[in-house]
PDB file of N, CA and C in Angstrom:
ATOM      1  N   MET A   1       0.794  -0.921   0.114  1.00  0.00           N
ATOM      2  CA  MET A   1      -0.117   0.022  -0.130  1.00  0.00           C
ATOM      3  C   MET A   1       1.019   1.427   0.034  1.00  0.00           C
ATOM      4  N   THR A   2       0.508   2.290  -0.827  1.00  0.00           N
ATOM      5  CA  THR A   2       1.443   3.426  -0.844  1.00  0.00           C
ATOM      6  C   THR A   2       0.825   4.287   0.071  1.00  0.00           C
ATOM      7  N   SER A   3       1.457   5.369   0.239  1.00  0.00           N
ATOM      8  CA  SER A   3       1.113   6.303   1.330  1.00  0.00           C
ATOM      9  C   SER A   3      -0.201   7.234   0.984  1.00  0.00           C
ATOM     10  N   SER A   4      -0.235   7.522  -0.635  1.00  0.00           N
ATOM     11  CA  SER A   4      -1.450   8.118  -0.960  1.00  0.00           C
ATOM     12  C   SER A   4      -2.725   7.049  -0.888  1.00  0.00           C
ATOM     13  N   GLU A   5      -2.588   5.703  -1.001  1.00  0.00           N
ATOM     14  CA  GLU A   5      -3.574   4.984  -0.909  1.00  0.00           C
ATOM     15  C   GLU A   5      -4.193   4.699   0.661  1.00  0.00           C
ATOM     16  N   ALA A   6      -3.005   4.845   1.608  1.00  0.00           N
ATOM     17  CA  ALA A   6      -3.592   4.941   3.183  1.00  0.00           C
ATOM     18  C   ALA A   6      -4.206   6.112   3.372  1.00  0.00           C
ATOM     19  N   ARG A   7      -4.091   7.136   2.661  1.00  0.00           N
ATOM     20  CA  ARG A   7      -4.992   8.365   3.238  1.00  0.00           C
ATOM     21  C   ARG A   7      -6.236   8.339   2.318  1.00  0.00           C
ATOM     22  N   HIS A   8      -6.484   7.593   1.476  1.00  0.00           N
ATOM     23  CA  HIS A   8      -7.824   7.470   0.759  1.00  0.00           C
ATOM     24  C   HIS A   8      -8.900   7.325   1.664  1.00  0.00           C
ATOM     25  N   LEU A   9     -10.039   7.843   1.646  1.00  0.00           N
ATOM     26  CA  LEU A   9     -11.107   7.651   2.493  1.00  0.00           C
ATOM     27  C   LEU A   9     -12.133   6.894   1.729  1.00  0.00           C
ATOM     28  N   SER A  10     -12.737   6.077   2.140  1.00  0.00           N
ATOM     29  CA  SER A  10     -14.069   5.376   1.668  1.00  0.00           C
ATOM     30  C   SER A  10     -15.166   5.149   2.576  1.00  0.00           C
ATOM     31  N   LEU A  11     -16.478   5.053   1.974  1.00  0.00           N
ATOM     32  CA  LEU A  11     -17.575   4.900   2.686  1.00  0.00           C
ATOM     33  C   LEU A  11     -18.537   4.251   1.970  1.00  0.00           C
ATOM     34  N   SER A  12     -19.269   3.325   2.504  1.00  0.00           N
ATOM     35  CA  SER A  12     -20.236   2.483   1.855  1.00  0.00           C
ATOM     36  C   SER A  12     -21.702   2.536   2.655  1.00  0.00           C
ATOM     37  N   ILE A  13     -22.689   3.024   1.748  1.00  0.00           N
ATOM     38  CA  ILE A  13     -23.795   3.438   2.647  1.00  0.00           C
ATOM     39  C   ILE A  13     -25.077   2.523   2.032  1.00  0.00           C
ATOM     40  N   LEU A  14     -25.942   1.997   2.768  1.00  0.00           N
ATOM     41  CA  LEU A  14     -26.758   1.034   2.507  1.00  0.00           C
ATOM     42  C   LEU A  14     -28.343   1.869   2.763  1.00  0.00           C
ATOM     43  N   LEU A  15     -28.928   2.268   1.806  1.00  0.00           N
ATOM     44  CA  LEU A  15     -30.055   2.973   1.937  1.00  0.00           C
ATOM     45  C   LEU A  15     -31.195   1.877   2.082  1.00  0.00           C
ATOM     46  N   ASP A  16     -31.562   1.437   3.041  1.00  0.00           N
ATOM     47  CA  ASP A  16     -32.641   0.266   3.132  1.00  0.00           C
ATOM     48  C   ASP A  16     -34.014   0.640   3.574  1.00  0.00           C
ATOM     49  N   ASP A  17     -34.230   1.900   3.689  1.00  0.00           N
ATOM     50  CA  ASP A  17     -35.849   2.415   4.065  1.00  0.00           C
ATOM     51  C   ASP A  17     -36.507   2.929   2.921  1.00  0.00           C
ATOM     52  N   ILE A  18     -35.769   2.764   1.797  1.00  0.00           N
ATOM     53  CA  ILE A  18     -36.444   3.621   0.442  1.00  0.00           C
ATOM     54  C   ILE A  18     -37.511   2.342   0.020  1.00  0.00           C
ATOM     55  N   PRO A  19     -38.806   2.923  -0.161  1.00  0.00           N
ATOM     56  CA  PRO A  19     -39.691   1.916  -0.692  1.00  0.00           C
ATOM     57  C   PRO A  19     -39.098   1.227  -1.908  1.00  0.00           C
ATOM     58  N   GLU A  20     -39.564   0.121  -2.420  1.00  0.00           N
ATOM     59  CA  GLU A  20     -38.960  -0.624  -3.434  1.00  0.00           C
ATOM     60  C   GLU A  20     -39.346  -0.031  -4.564  1.00  0.00           C
ATOM     61  N   ASP A  21     -40.358   0.599  -4.909  1.00  0.00           N
ATOM     62  CA  ASP A  21     -40.844   1.343  -6.239  1.00  0.00           C
ATOM     63  C   ASP A  21     -40.040   2.526  -6.377  1.00  0.00           C
ATOM     64  N   LEU A  22     -39.340   3.081  -5.320  1.00  0.00           N
ATOM     65  CA  LEU A  22     -38.709   4.301  -5.705  1.00  0.00           C
ATOM     66  C   LEU A  22     -37.054   4.074  -5.876  1.00  0.00           C
ATOM     67  N   ARG A  23     -36.603   2.724  -5.678  1.00  0.00           N
ATOM     68  CA  ARG A  23     -35.214   2.310  -5.574  1.00  0.00           C
ATOM     69  C   ARG A  23     -34.592   2.664  -6.952  1.00  0.00           C
ATOM     70  N   GLU A  24     -35.260   2.046  -8.005  1.00  0.00           N
ATOM     71  CA  GLU A  24     -34.701   2.091  -9.215  1.00  0.00           C
ATOM     72  C   GLU A  24     -34.610   3.626  -9.672  1.00  0.00           C
ATOM     73  N   THR A  25     -35.663   4.304  -9.504  1.00  0.00           N
ATOM     74  CA  THR A  25     -35.651   5.658  -9.989  1.00  0.00           C
ATOM     75  C   THR A  25     -34.386   6.589  -9.012  1.00  0.00           C
ATOM     76  N   LEU A  26     -34.222   6.237  -8.168  1.00  0.00           N
ATOM     77  CA  LEU A  26     -33.326   6.979  -7.387  1.00  0.00           C
ATOM     78  C   LEU A  26     -31.903   6.727  -7.979  1.00  0.00           C
ATOM     79  N   VAL A  27     -31.543   5.345  -8.258  1.00  0.00           N
ATOM     80  CA  VAL A  27     -30.384   4.929  -8.912  1.00  0.00           C
ATOM     81  C   VAL A  27     -30.217   5.621 -10.127  1.00  0.00           C
ATOM     82  N   LYS A  28     -31.187   5.477 -11.196  1.00  0.00           N
ATOM     83  CA  LYS A  28     -31.032   5.913 -12.104  1.00  0.00           C
ATOM     84  C   LYS A  28     -30.912   7.721 -12.155  1.00  0.00           C
ATOM     85  N   SER A  29     -31.357   8.289 -11.370  1.00  0.00           N
ATOM     86  CA  SER A  29     -31.360   9.753 -11.142  1.00  0.00           C
ATOM     87  C   SER A  29     -30.031  10.148 -10.827  1.00  0.00           C
ATOM     88  N   LEU A  30     -29.294   9.191  -9.837  1.00  0.00           N
ATOM     89  CA  LEU A  30     -27.913   9.578  -9.445  1.00  0.00           C
ATOM     90  C   LEU A  30     -26.954   9.050 -10.299  1.00  0.00           C
ATOM     91  N   LYS A  31     -27.101   8.016 -11.111  1.00  0.00           N
ATOM     92  CA  LYS A  31     -26.132   7.213 -11.841  1.00  0.00           C
ATOM     93  C   LYS A  31     -25.130   8.235 -12.498  1.00  0.00           C
ATOM     94  N   PRO A  32     -25.682   9.302 -13.143  1.00  0.00           N
ATOM     95  CA  PRO A  32     -24.771  10.152 -14.019  1.00  0.00           C
ATOM     96  C   PRO A  32     -23.826  10.783 -13.204  1.00  0.00           C
ATOM     97  N   GLU A  33     -24.141  11.243 -11.977  1.00  0.00           N
ATOM     98  CA  GLU A  33     -23.201  11.924 -11.026  1.00  0.00           C
ATOM     99  C   GLU A  33     -22.050  10.842 -10.792  1.00  0.00           C
ATOM    100  N   THR A  34     -22.148   9.700 -10.987  1.00  0.00           N
ATOM    101  CA  THR A  34     -21.112   8.679 -10.471  1.00  0.00           C
ATOM    102  C   THR A  34     -20.352   8.255 -11.545  1.00  0.00           C
ATOM    103  N   GLU A  35     -20.502   8.728 -13.048  1.00  0.00           N
ATOM    104  CA  GLU A  35     -19.901   8.072 -14.214  1.00  0.00           C
ATOM    105  C   GLU A  35     -18.609   8.850 -14.438  1.00  0.00           C
ATOM    106  N   SER A  36     -18.390  10.052 -13.660  1.00  0.00           N
ATOM    107  CA  SER A  36     -17.038  10.629 -13.743  1.00  0.00           C
ATOM    108  C   SER A  36     -16.257  10.791 -12.587  1.00  0.00           C
ATOM    109  N   GLU A  37     -14.971  10.789 -12.628  1.00  0.00           N
ATOM    110  CA  GLU A  37     -14.190  11.145 -11.580  1.00  0.00           C
ATOM    111  C   GLU A  37     -13.649  12.690 -11.405  1.00  0.00           C
ATOM    112  N   MET A  38     -13.938  13.170 -10.416  1.00  0.00           N
ATOM    113  CA  MET A  38     -13.344  14.550 -10.380  1.00  0.00           C
ATOM    114  C   MET A  38     -12.712  14.817  -9.004  1.00  0.00           C
ATOM    115  N   ARG A  39     -11.359  15.445  -9.199  1.00  0.00           N
ATOM    116  CA  ARG A  39     -10.610  15.501  -8.191  1.00  0.00           C
ATOM    117  C   ARG A  39     -10.134  14.232  -7.164  1.00  0.00           C
ATOM    118  N   GLY A  40     -10.121  13.161  -8.130  1.00  0.00           N
ATOM    119  CA  GLY A  40      -9.895  12.022  -7.333  1.00  0.00           C
ATOM    120  C   GLY A  40     -10.988  11.368  -6.734  1.00  0.00           C
ATOM    121  N   VAL A  41     -12.145  11.824  -6.707  1.00  0.00           N
ATOM    122  CA  VAL A  41     -13.342  11.301  -6.046  1.00  0.00           C
ATOM    123  C   VAL A  41     -14.051  10.520  -7.058  1.00  0.00           C
ATOM    124  N   ARG A  42     -14.404   9.196  -6.517  1.00  0.00           N
ATOM    125  CA  ARG A  42     -15.094   8.138  -7.215  1.00  0.00           C
ATOM    126  C   ARG A  42     -16.379   7.766  -6.250  1.00  0.00           C
ATOM    127  N   ALA A  43     -17.490   7.639  -7.145  1.00  0.00           N
ATOM    128  CA  ALA A  43     -18.682   7.278  -6.461  1.00  0.00           C
ATOM    129  C   ALA A  43     -19.346   6.078  -7.224  1.00  0.00           C
ATOM    130  N   ASN A  44     -19.940   5.300  -6.540  1.00  0.00           N
ATOM    131  CA  ASN A  44     -20.864   4.097  -7.266  1.00  0.00           C
ATOM    132  C   ASN A  44     -22.424   4.307  -6.542  1.00  0.00           C
ATOM    133  N   ILE A  45     -23.293   3.835  -7.354  1.00  0.00           N
ATOM    134  CA  ILE A  45     -24.510   3.719  -6.841  1.00  0.00           C
ATOM    135  C   ILE A  45     -25.383   2.518  -7.421  1.00  0.00           C
ATOM    136  N   GLY A  46     -25.989   1.672  -6.793  1.00  0.00           N
ATOM    137  CA  GLY A  46     -26.534   0.644  -7.337  1.00  0.00           C
ATOM    138  C   GLY A  46     -27.592  -0.340  -6.561  1.00  0.00           C
ATOM    139  N   LEU A  47     -28.415  -1.117  -7.182  1.00  0.00           N
ATOM    140  CA  LEU A  47     -29.421  -1.674  -6.300  1.00  0.00           C
ATOM    141  C   LEU A  47     -28.951  -3.040  -6.095  1.00  0.00           C
ATOM    142  N   VAL A  48     -29.095  -3.231  -4.640  1.00  0.00           N
ATOM    143  CA  VAL A  48     -28.745  -4.556  -3.868  1.00  0.00           C
ATOM    144  C   VAL A  48     -30.041  -4.931  -3.376  1.00  0.00           C
ATOM    145  N   GLU A  49     -30.093  -6.278  -2.922  1.00  0.00           N
ATOM    146  CA  GLU A  49     -31.228  -7.036  -2.270  1.00  0.00           C
ATOM    147  C   GLU A  49     -31.845  -6.079  -1.359  1.00  0.00           C
ATOM    148  N   GLU A  50     -31.124  -5.418  -0.506  1.00  0.00           N
ATOM    149  CA  GLU A  50     -31.565  -4.742   0.748  1.00  0.00           C
ATOM    150  C   GLU A  50     -32.000  -3.497   0.414  1.00  0.00           C
ATOM    151  N   GLY A  51     -31.549  -2.742  -0.664  1.00  0.00           N
ATOM    152  CA  GLY A  51     -32.043  -1.442  -0.944  1.00  0.00           C
ATOM    153  C   GLY A  51     -31.147  -0.883  -2.124  1.00  0.00           C
ATOM    154  N   VAL A  52     -30.611   0.462  -1.695  1.00  0.00           N
ATOM    155  CA  VAL A  52     -29.641   0.995  -2.623  1.00  0.00           C
ATOM    156  C   VAL A  52     -28.231   1.399  -1.941  1.00  0.00           C
ATOM    157  N   LYS A  53     -27.404   0.967  -2.661  1.00  0.00           N
ATOM    158  CA  LYS A  53     -25.941   1.078  -1.857  1.00  0.00           C
ATOM    159  C   LYS A  53     -25.187   2.254  -2.678  1.00  0.00           C
ATOM    160  N   ILE A  54     -24.722   3.122  -1.984  1.00  0.00           N
ATOM    161  CA  ILE A  54     -23.811   4.260  -2.393  1.00  0.00           C
ATOM    162  C   ILE A  54     -22.519   4.082  -2.014  1.00  0.00           C
ATOM    163  N   GLU A  55     -21.445   4.000  -2.647  1.00  0.00           N
ATOM    164  CA  GLU A  55     -19.862   3.880  -2.297  1.00  0.00           C
ATOM    165  C   GLU A  55     -19.311   5.408  -2.702  1.00  0.00           C
ATOM    166  N   ILE A  56     -18.342   5.698  -1.863  1.00  0.00           N
ATOM    167  CA  ILE A  56     -17.900   7.149  -2.038  1.00  0.00           C
ATOM    168  C   ILE A  56     -16.364   6.655  -1.599  1.00  0.00           C
ATOM    169  N   HIS A  57     -15.346   7.189  -2.680  1.00  0.00           N
ATOM    170  CA  HIS A  57     -14.034   6.841  -2.249  1.00  0.00           C
ATOM    171  C   HIS A  57     -13.441   8.160  -2.671  1.00  0.00           C
ATOM    172  N   ALA A  58     -12.560   9.068  -1.799  1.00  0.00           N
ATOM    173  CA  ALA A  58     -11.743  10.291  -2.094  1.00  0.00           C
ATOM    174  C   ALA A  58     -10.582  10.105  -1.448  1.00  0.00           C
ATOM    175  N   PRO A  59      -9.499  11.100  -1.926  1.00  0.00           N
ATOM    176  CA  PRO A  59      -8.441  11.121  -1.541  1.00  0.00           C
ATOM    177  C   PRO A  59      -8.159  11.963  -0.217  1.00  0.00           C
ATOM    178  N   ASN A  60      -9.015  12.917   0.247  1.00  0.00           N
ATOM    179  CA  ASN A  60      -8.702  13.744   1.241  1.00  0.00           C
ATOM    180  C   ASN A  60     -10.290  14.035   2.206  1.00  0.00           C
ATOM    181  N   HIS A  61     -10.173  14.592   3.195  1.00  0.00           N
ATOM    182  CA  HIS A  61     -11.202  14.905   3.986  1.00  0.00           C
ATOM    183  C   HIS A  61     -12.187  15.738   3.364  1.00  0.00           C
ATOM    184  N   SER A  62     -11.545  16.806   2.756  1.00  0.00           N
ATOM    185  CA  SER A  62     -12.468  17.945   2.219  1.00  0.00           C
ATOM    186  C   SER A  62     -13.253  17.534   1.103  1.00  0.00           C
ATOM    187  N   ALA A  63     -12.720  16.671   0.236  1.00  0.00           N
ATOM    188  CA  ALA A  63     -13.319  16.024  -1.000  1.00  0.00           C
ATOM    189  C   ALA A  63     -14.332  14.762  -0.603  1.00  0.00           C
ATOM    190  N   PHE A  64     -13.951  14.305   0.386  1.00  0.00           N
ATOM    191  CA  PHE A  64     -14.832  13.173   0.748  1.00  0.00           C
ATOM    192  C   PHE A  64     -16.043  13.972   1.388  1.00  0.00           C
ATOM    193  N   ARG A  65     -16.045  14.772   2.100  1.00  0.00           N
ATOM    194  CA  ARG A  65     -17.272  15.626   2.845  1.00  0.00           C
ATOM    195  C   ARG A  65     -17.980  16.338   1.760  1.00  0.00           C
ATOM    196  N   ALA A  66     -17.385  16.920   0.772  1.00  0.00           N
ATOM    197  CA  ALA A  66     -18.167  17.377  -0.451  1.00  0.00           C
ATOM    198  C   ALA A  66     -18.961  16.331  -1.261  1.00  0.00           C
ATOM    199  N   ALA A  67     -18.166  15.410  -1.461  1.00  0.00           N
ATOM    200  CA  ALA A  67     -18.844  14.223  -2.334  1.00  0.00           C
ATOM    201  C   ALA A  67     -20.127  13.587  -1.569  1.00  0.00           C
ATOM    202  N   LEU A  68     -19.716  13.322  -0.279  1.00  0.00           N
ATOM    203  CA  LEU A  68     -20.873  12.830   0.637  1.00  0.00           C
ATOM    204  C   LEU A  68     -22.120  13.661   0.501  1.00  0.00           C
ATOM    205  N   ASN A  69     -21.802  15.158   1.088  1.00  0.00           N
ATOM    206  CA  ASN A  69     -22.978  15.981   1.026  1.00  0.00           C
ATOM    207  C   ASN A  69     -23.588  16.028  -0.343  1.00  0.00           C
ATOM    208  N   SER A  70     -22.892  16.080  -1.431  1.00  0.00           N
ATOM    209  CA  SER A  70     -23.523  16.063  -2.786  1.00  0.00           C
ATOM    210  C   SER A  70     -24.633  15.045  -2.761  1.00  0.00           C
ATOM    211  N   VAL A  71     -24.020  13.810  -2.691  1.00  0.00           N
ATOM    212  CA  VAL A  71     -24.799  12.727  -2.982  1.00  0.00           C
ATOM    213  C   VAL A  71     -25.919  12.380  -1.898  1.00  0.00           C
ATOM    214  N   LEU A  72     -26.044  12.787  -0.755  1.00  0.00           N
ATOM    215  CA  LEU A  72     -26.981  12.943   0.266  1.00  0.00           C
ATOM    216  C   LEU A  72     -28.017  13.953  -0.158  1.00  0.00           C
ATOM    217  N   ARG A  73     -27.609  15.104  -0.438  1.00  0.00           N
ATOM    218  CA  ARG A  73     -28.593  15.960  -0.936  1.00  0.00           C
ATOM    219  C   ARG A  73     -29.142  15.739  -2.182  1.00  0.00           C
ATOM    220  N   LEU A  74     -28.534  15.286  -3.218  1.00  0.00           N
ATOM    221  CA  LEU A  74     -29.149  14.716  -4.523  1.00  0.00           C
ATOM    222  C   LEU A  74     -30.392  13.816  -4.112  1.00  0.00           C
ATOM    223  N   SER A  75     -29.929  12.773  -3.428  1.00  0.00           N
ATOM    224  CA  SER A  75     -30.751  11.576  -2.873  1.00  0.00           C
ATOM    225  C   SER A  75     -32.006  12.268  -2.252  1.00  0.00           C
ATOM    226  N   SER A  76     -31.906  13.190  -1.574  1.00  0.00           N
ATOM    227  CA  SER A  76     -33.014  13.708  -0.548  1.00  0.00           C
ATOM    228  C   SER A  76     -33.866  14.435  -1.729  1.00  0.00           C
ATOM    229  N   THR A  77     -33.299  15.274  -2.590  1.00  0.00           N
ATOM    230  CA  THR A  77     -33.953  15.990  -3.429  1.00  0.00           C
ATOM    231  C   THR A  77     -34.865  15.172  -4.473  1.00  0.00           C
ATOM    232  N   VAL A  78     -34.085  14.028  -4.922  1.00  0.00           N
ATOM    233  CA  VAL A  78     -35.017  13.234  -5.856  1.00  0.00           C
ATOM    234  C   VAL A  78     -36.077  12.529  -5.086  1.00  0.00           C
ATOM    235  N   LEU A  79     -35.950  12.022  -3.910  1.00  0.00           N
ATOM    236  CA  LEU A  79     -36.992  11.409  -3.102  1.00  0.00           C
ATOM    237  C   LEU A  79     -38.070  12.424  -2.804  1.00  0.00           C
ATOM    238  N   ASN A  80     -37.762  13.696  -2.352  1.00  0.00           N
ATOM    239  CA  ASN A  80     -38.788  14.631  -2.017  1.00  0.00           C
ATOM    240  C   ASN A  80     -39.469  15.044  -3.417  1.00  0.00           C
ATOM    241  N   LEU A  81     -39.009  15.224  -4.537  1.00  0.00           N
ATOM    242  CA  LEU A  81     -39.513  15.638  -5.878  1.00  0.00           C
ATOM    243  C   LEU A  81     -40.614  14.491  -6.144  1.00  0.00           C
ATOM    244  N   ILE A  82     -40.155  13.169  -6.107  1.00  0.00           N
ATOM    245  CA  ILE A  82     -41.021  12.137  -6.377  1.00  0.00           C
ATOM    246  C   ILE A  82     -42.211  12.059  -5.461  1.00  0.00           C
ATOM    247  N   ASN A  83     -41.991  12.124  -4.192  1.00  0.00           N
ATOM    248  CA  ASN A  83     -43.168  12.250  -3.108  1.00  0.00           C
ATOM    249  C   ASN A  83     -44.084  13.425  -3.465  1.00  0.00           C
ATOM    250  N   GLU A  84     -43.446  14.396  -3.819  1.00  0.00           N
ATOM    251  CA  GLU A  84     -44.525  15.783  -4.081  1.00  0.00           C
ATOM    252  C   GLU A  84     -45.413  15.492  -5.384  1.00  0.00           C
ATOM    253  N   LEU A  85     -44.699  14.842  -6.440  1.00  0.00           N
ATOM    254  CA  LEU A  85     -45.383  14.495  -7.606  1.00  0.00           C
ATOM    255  C   LEU A  85     -46.425  13.682  -7.388  1.00  0.00           C
ATOM    256  N   ARG A  86     -46.032  12.645  -6.481  1.00  0.00           N
ATOM    257  CA  ARG A  86     -47.235  11.628  -6.287  1.00  0.00           C
ATOM    258  C   ARG A  86     -48.293  12.388  -5.467  1.00  0.00           C
ATOM    259  N   ARG A  87     -47.904  13.314  -4.505  1.00  0.00           N
ATOM    260  CA  ARG A  87     -48.965  14.012  -3.542  1.00  0.00           C
ATOM    261  C   ARG A  87     -49.931  14.543  -4.553  1.00  0.00           C
ATOM    262  N   ARG A  88     -49.345  15.313  -5.617  1.00  0.00           N
ATOM    263  CA  ARG A  88     -50.252  16.074  -6.562  1.00  0.00           C
ATOM    264  C   ARG A  88     -50.856  15.123  -7.728  1.00  0.00           C
ATOM    265  N   ASN A  89     -50.537  13.757  -7.543  1.00  0.00           N
ATOM    266  CA  ASN A  89     -51.125  12.899  -8.531  1.00  0.00           C
ATOM    267  C   ASN A  89     -50.370  13.211  -9.905  1.00  0.00           C
ATOM    268  N   LEU A  90     -49.294  13.543 -10.046  1.00  0.00           N
ATOM    269  CA  LEU A  90     -48.495  13.688 -11.204  1.00  0.00           C
ATOM    270  C   LEU A  90     -47.767  12.832 -11.752  1.00  0.00           C
ATOM    271  N   ALA A  91     -47.265  11.778 -10.940  1.00  0.00           N
ATOM    272  CA  ALA A  91     -46.368  10.519 -11.148  1.00  0.00           C
ATOM    273  C   ALA A  91     -47.051   9.405 -11.005  1.00  0.00           C
TER     274      ALA A  91
END
């Protein structure tokens, strides 16, 4: 392991309380955000049996924090939008 690998931060999040009918929509909505690597940050999102799994890998704390905040905000926005559309009977 090199010194840069030792400082790399990683996190795996399992979102298991998302209704099954919203899981695929969430993954499809966030997938484009995970397809490019910026400032050494890599992210992945996918469906697993238990729910939606998000993985974040970053070279330092500030990049890690920014990526985590971005993914969580986007997730929340997508789910809130879907719920609001359903409430208005538009989805």
